[in-house]
Amino acid sequence: MYGNILNGFVSFFVGELLPDKEILIQKQEISFHKPVYIIDTLDFEANLAEVYESVSSYLFKYKFKNKSGLIAKGKVQIGKI
């Protein structure tokens, strides 16, 4: 499966799973470590790493894993509109 589909999952996390809907993605990084297959079951874990109160911005670090281990990891910075 095209690995960059994982960015779509990150976008879903930001847009649908966070409580505040008035946000946008300011910056995003992802590093791919292993291929993703269509039959894989993925686990997604995100942690709030930094809060920039002066500019209402937040940095999350995230990981994707499957049964064999780490698939990808990265960071996404979001800000309030």
N, C-alpha and C. Protein backbone atom coordinates (compact mmCIF):
# COMPACT_ATOMS: atom_id res chain seq x y z
N MET A 1 0.85 -1.16 0.00
CA MET A 1 0.00 0.00 0.00
C MET A 1 0.91 1.23 0.00
N TYR A 2 0.48 2.27 -0.64
CA TYR A 2 1.25 3.51 -0.70
C TYR A 2 1.45 4.05 0.72
N GLY A 3 2.71 4.17 1.14
CA GLY A 3 3.03 4.52 2.52
C GLY A 3 2.51 5.87 2.97
N ASN A 4 2.39 6.80 2.05
CA ASN A 4 1.97 8.14 2.44
C ASN A 4 0.50 8.19 2.87
N ILE A 5 -0.21 7.09 2.75
CA ILE A 5 -1.59 7.04 3.26
C ILE A 5 -1.60 7.26 4.77
N LEU A 6 -0.47 7.01 5.40
CA LEU A 6 -0.38 7.25 6.84
C LEU A 6 -0.61 8.73 7.17
N ASN A 7 -0.22 9.62 6.26
CA ASN A 7 -0.50 11.05 6.47
C ASN A 7 -2.00 11.32 6.55
N GLY A 8 -2.77 10.54 5.83
CA GLY A 8 -4.22 10.67 5.91
C GLY A 8 -4.74 10.31 7.29
N PHE A 9 -4.14 9.29 7.90
CA PHE A 9 -4.53 8.92 9.26
C PHE A 9 -4.17 10.03 10.26
N VAL A 10 -3.03 10.67 10.05
CA VAL A 10 -2.64 11.78 10.92
C VAL A 10 -3.63 12.94 10.76
N SER A 11 -4.02 13.21 9.54
CA SER A 11 -4.99 14.27 9.29
C SER A 11 -6.33 13.95 9.95
N PHE A 12 -6.74 12.68 9.92
CA PHE A 12 -7.97 12.26 10.59
C PHE A 12 -7.85 12.48 12.10
N PHE A 13 -6.71 12.14 12.66
CA PHE A 13 -6.47 12.35 14.09
C PHE A 13 -6.65 13.82 14.45
N VAL A 14 -6.02 14.70 13.68
CA VAL A 14 -6.08 16.14 13.97
C VAL A 14 -7.49 16.68 13.75
N GLY A 15 -8.11 16.32 12.65
CA GLY A 15 -9.39 16.92 12.29
C GLY A 15 -10.60 16.32 12.96
N GLU A 16 -10.53 15.05 13.34
CA GLU A 16 -11.72 14.38 13.86
C GLU A 16 -11.61 13.91 15.31
N LEU A 17 -10.42 13.62 15.78
CA LEU A 17 -10.29 13.04 17.11
C LEU A 17 -9.91 14.04 18.20
N LEU A 18 -9.34 15.16 17.82
CA LEU A 18 -9.04 16.18 18.82
C LEU A 18 -10.31 16.97 19.12
N PRO A 19 -10.46 17.44 20.35
CA PRO A 19 -11.72 18.09 20.73
C PRO A 19 -11.97 19.44 20.05
N ASP A 20 -10.94 20.19 19.76
CA ASP A 20 -11.10 21.52 19.14
C ASP A 20 -11.10 21.36 17.62
N LYS A 21 -12.13 21.83 16.96
CA LYS A 21 -12.24 21.70 15.50
C LYS A 21 -11.72 22.93 14.76
N GLU A 22 -11.38 23.98 15.47
CA GLU A 22 -10.91 25.22 14.84
C GLU A 22 -9.38 25.25 14.82
N ILE A 23 -8.78 24.25 14.16
CA ILE A 23 -7.33 24.12 14.10
C ILE A 23 -6.90 23.81 12.68
N LEU A 24 -5.64 24.01 12.41
CA LEU A 24 -5.07 23.62 11.13
C LEU A 24 -3.67 23.06 11.35
N ILE A 25 -3.25 22.25 10.41
CA ILE A 25 -1.91 21.67 10.47
C ILE A 25 -0.93 22.72 9.95
N GLN A 26 0.06 23.06 10.78
CA GLN A 26 1.07 24.05 10.39
C GLN A 26 2.31 23.37 9.79
N LYS A 27 2.66 22.22 10.34
CA LYS A 27 3.86 21.53 9.88
C LYS A 27 3.71 20.06 10.21
N GLN A 28 4.23 19.21 9.32
CA GLN A 28 4.14 17.77 9.56
C GLN A 28 5.40 17.09 9.02
N GLU A 29 5.93 16.15 9.79
CA GLU A 29 7.08 15.35 9.38
C GLU A 29 6.73 13.88 9.59
N ILE A 30 7.21 13.03 8.70
CA ILE A 30 7.03 11.60 8.88
C ILE A 30 8.26 10.88 8.34
N SER A 31 8.71 9.87 9.06
CA SER A 31 9.81 9.01 8.64
C SER A 31 9.28 7.59 8.53
N PHE A 32 9.46 6.98 7.38
CA PHE A 32 8.99 5.62 7.14
C PHE A 32 10.12 4.64 7.45
N HIS A 33 9.83 3.62 8.25
CA HIS A 33 10.85 2.65 8.65
C HIS A 33 10.65 1.28 8.02
N LYS A 34 9.40 0.91 7.74
CA LYS A 34 9.08 -0.37 7.12
C LYS A 34 7.89 -0.17 6.19
N PRO A 35 7.70 -1.08 5.26
CA PRO A 35 6.53 -0.96 4.38
C PRO A 35 5.23 -1.27 5.12
N VAL A 36 4.15 -0.73 4.58
CA VAL A 36 2.81 -0.98 5.10
C VAL A 36 2.07 -1.83 4.07
N TYR A 37 1.43 -2.89 4.53
CA TYR A 37 0.68 -3.78 3.64
C TYR A 37 -0.81 -3.64 3.91
N ILE A 38 -1.61 -3.86 2.90
CA ILE A 38 -3.04 -3.68 3.00
C ILE A 38 -3.66 -4.57 4.08
N ILE A 39 -3.03 -5.67 4.41
CA ILE A 39 -3.57 -6.58 5.43
C ILE A 39 -3.10 -6.23 6.84
N ASP A 40 -2.23 -5.25 6.97
CA ASP A 40 -1.71 -4.86 8.28
C ASP A 40 -2.79 -4.24 9.16
N THR A 41 -2.72 -4.55 10.44
CA THR A 41 -3.49 -3.85 11.45
C THR A 41 -2.52 -2.89 12.12
N LEU A 42 -2.83 -1.61 12.06
CA LEU A 42 -1.92 -0.59 12.58
C LEU A 42 -2.40 -0.05 13.91
N ASP A 43 -1.43 0.25 14.77
CA ASP A 43 -1.68 0.98 16.01
C ASP A 43 -1.09 2.37 15.84
N PHE A 44 -1.84 3.37 16.27
CA PHE A 44 -1.40 4.75 16.20
C PHE A 44 -1.32 5.30 17.61
N GLU A 45 -0.19 5.90 17.94
CA GLU A 45 0.01 6.48 19.27
C GLU A 45 0.52 7.91 19.09
N ALA A 46 -0.15 8.87 19.73
CA ALA A 46 0.26 10.27 19.65
C ALA A 46 0.36 10.84 21.06
N ASN A 47 1.39 11.65 21.28
CA ASN A 47 1.60 12.29 22.57
C ASN A 47 1.85 13.78 22.35
N LEU A 48 1.24 14.59 23.21
CA LEU A 48 1.49 16.02 23.18
C LEU A 48 2.91 16.27 23.69
N ALA A 49 3.77 16.81 22.84
CA ALA A 49 5.18 16.98 23.18
C ALA A 49 5.52 18.41 23.60
N GLU A 50 4.88 19.40 22.97
CA GLU A 50 5.19 20.79 23.27
C GLU A 50 3.92 21.63 23.15
N VAL A 51 3.84 22.66 23.98
CA VAL A 51 2.75 23.63 23.91
C VAL A 51 3.39 25.01 23.79
N TYR A 52 2.99 25.75 22.75
CA TYR A 52 3.48 27.11 22.54
C TYR A 52 2.30 28.05 22.79
N GLU A 53 2.09 28.40 24.04
CA GLU A 53 0.92 29.19 24.43
C GLU A 53 0.87 30.56 23.76
N SER A 54 2.00 31.18 23.56
CA SER A 54 2.02 32.54 23.01
C SER A 54 1.45 32.60 21.59
N VAL A 55 1.52 31.50 20.86
CA VAL A 55 1.00 31.47 19.49
C VAL A 55 -0.09 30.41 19.31
N SER A 56 -0.62 29.88 20.41
CA SER A 56 -1.68 28.86 20.39
C SER A 56 -1.35 27.72 19.44
N SER A 57 -0.18 27.15 19.64
CA SER A 57 0.31 26.08 18.78
C SER A 57 0.72 24.88 19.64
N TYR A 58 0.56 23.67 19.08
CA TYR A 58 0.82 22.44 19.82
C TYR A 58 1.58 21.46 18.92
N LEU A 59 2.53 20.76 19.50
CA LEU A 59 3.31 19.78 18.76
C LEU A 59 3.03 18.39 19.32
N PHE A 60 2.60 17.48 18.45
CA PHE A 60 2.38 16.09 18.80
C PHE A 60 3.45 15.24 18.14
N LYS A 61 3.98 14.27 18.87
CA LYS A 61 4.84 13.24 18.30
C LYS A 61 4.00 11.98 18.18
N TYR A 62 4.16 11.27 17.08
CA TYR A 62 3.33 10.08 16.86
C TYR A 62 4.13 8.92 16.29
N LYS A 63 3.54 7.71 16.42
CA LYS A 63 4.14 6.48 15.91
C LYS A 63 3.05 5.61 15.31
N PHE A 64 3.39 4.89 14.27
CA PHE A 64 2.56 3.83 13.72
C PHE A 64 3.30 2.52 13.93
N LYS A 65 2.60 1.52 14.42
CA LYS A 65 3.19 0.20 14.62
C LYS A 65 2.26 -0.86 14.05
N ASN A 66 2.84 -1.99 13.67
CA ASN A 66 2.05 -3.18 13.36
C ASN A 66 2.63 -4.32 14.20
N LYS A 67 2.23 -5.55 13.93
CA LYS A 67 2.67 -6.66 14.78
C LYS A 67 4.18 -6.87 14.75
N SER A 68 4.86 -6.40 13.71
CA SER A 68 6.31 -6.58 13.64
C SER A 68 7.09 -5.40 14.21
N GLY A 69 6.40 -4.33 14.62
CA GLY A 69 7.10 -3.21 15.24
C GLY A 69 6.81 -1.87 14.58
N LEU A 70 7.75 -0.96 14.73
CA LEU A 70 7.61 0.41 14.26
C LEU A 70 7.55 0.47 12.73
N ILE A 71 6.53 1.13 12.22
CA ILE A 71 6.37 1.33 10.78
C ILE A 71 6.81 2.74 10.38
N ALA A 72 6.35 3.72 11.15
CA ALA A 72 6.66 5.12 10.85
C ALA A 72 6.52 5.94 12.12
N LYS A 73 7.20 7.08 12.14
CA LYS A 73 7.05 8.01 13.25
C LYS A 73 7.21 9.42 12.72
N GLY A 74 6.71 10.37 13.50
CA GLY A 74 6.82 11.73 13.04
C GLY A 74 6.30 12.74 14.05
N LYS A 75 6.11 13.96 13.55
CA LYS A 75 5.63 15.07 14.36
C LYS A 75 4.60 15.83 13.54
N VAL A 76 3.62 16.38 14.23
CA VAL A 76 2.66 17.27 13.59
C VAL A 76 2.43 18.46 14.50
N GLN A 77 2.58 19.65 13.93
CA GLN A 77 2.35 20.87 14.68
C GLN A 77 1.03 21.46 14.21
N ILE A 78 0.16 21.77 15.17
CA ILE A 78 -1.14 22.34 14.84
C ILE A 78 -1.30 23.68 15.55
N GLY A 79 -2.19 24.50 15.01
CA GLY A 79 -2.45 25.79 15.62
C GLY A 79 -3.93 26.12 15.56
N LYS A 80 -4.37 26.93 16.50
CA LYS A 80 -5.75 27.39 16.53
C LYS A 80 -5.93 28.47 15.47
N ILE A 81 -7.09 28.44 14.84
CA ILE A 81 -7.40 29.44 13.79
C ILE A 81 -7.79 30.74 14.46
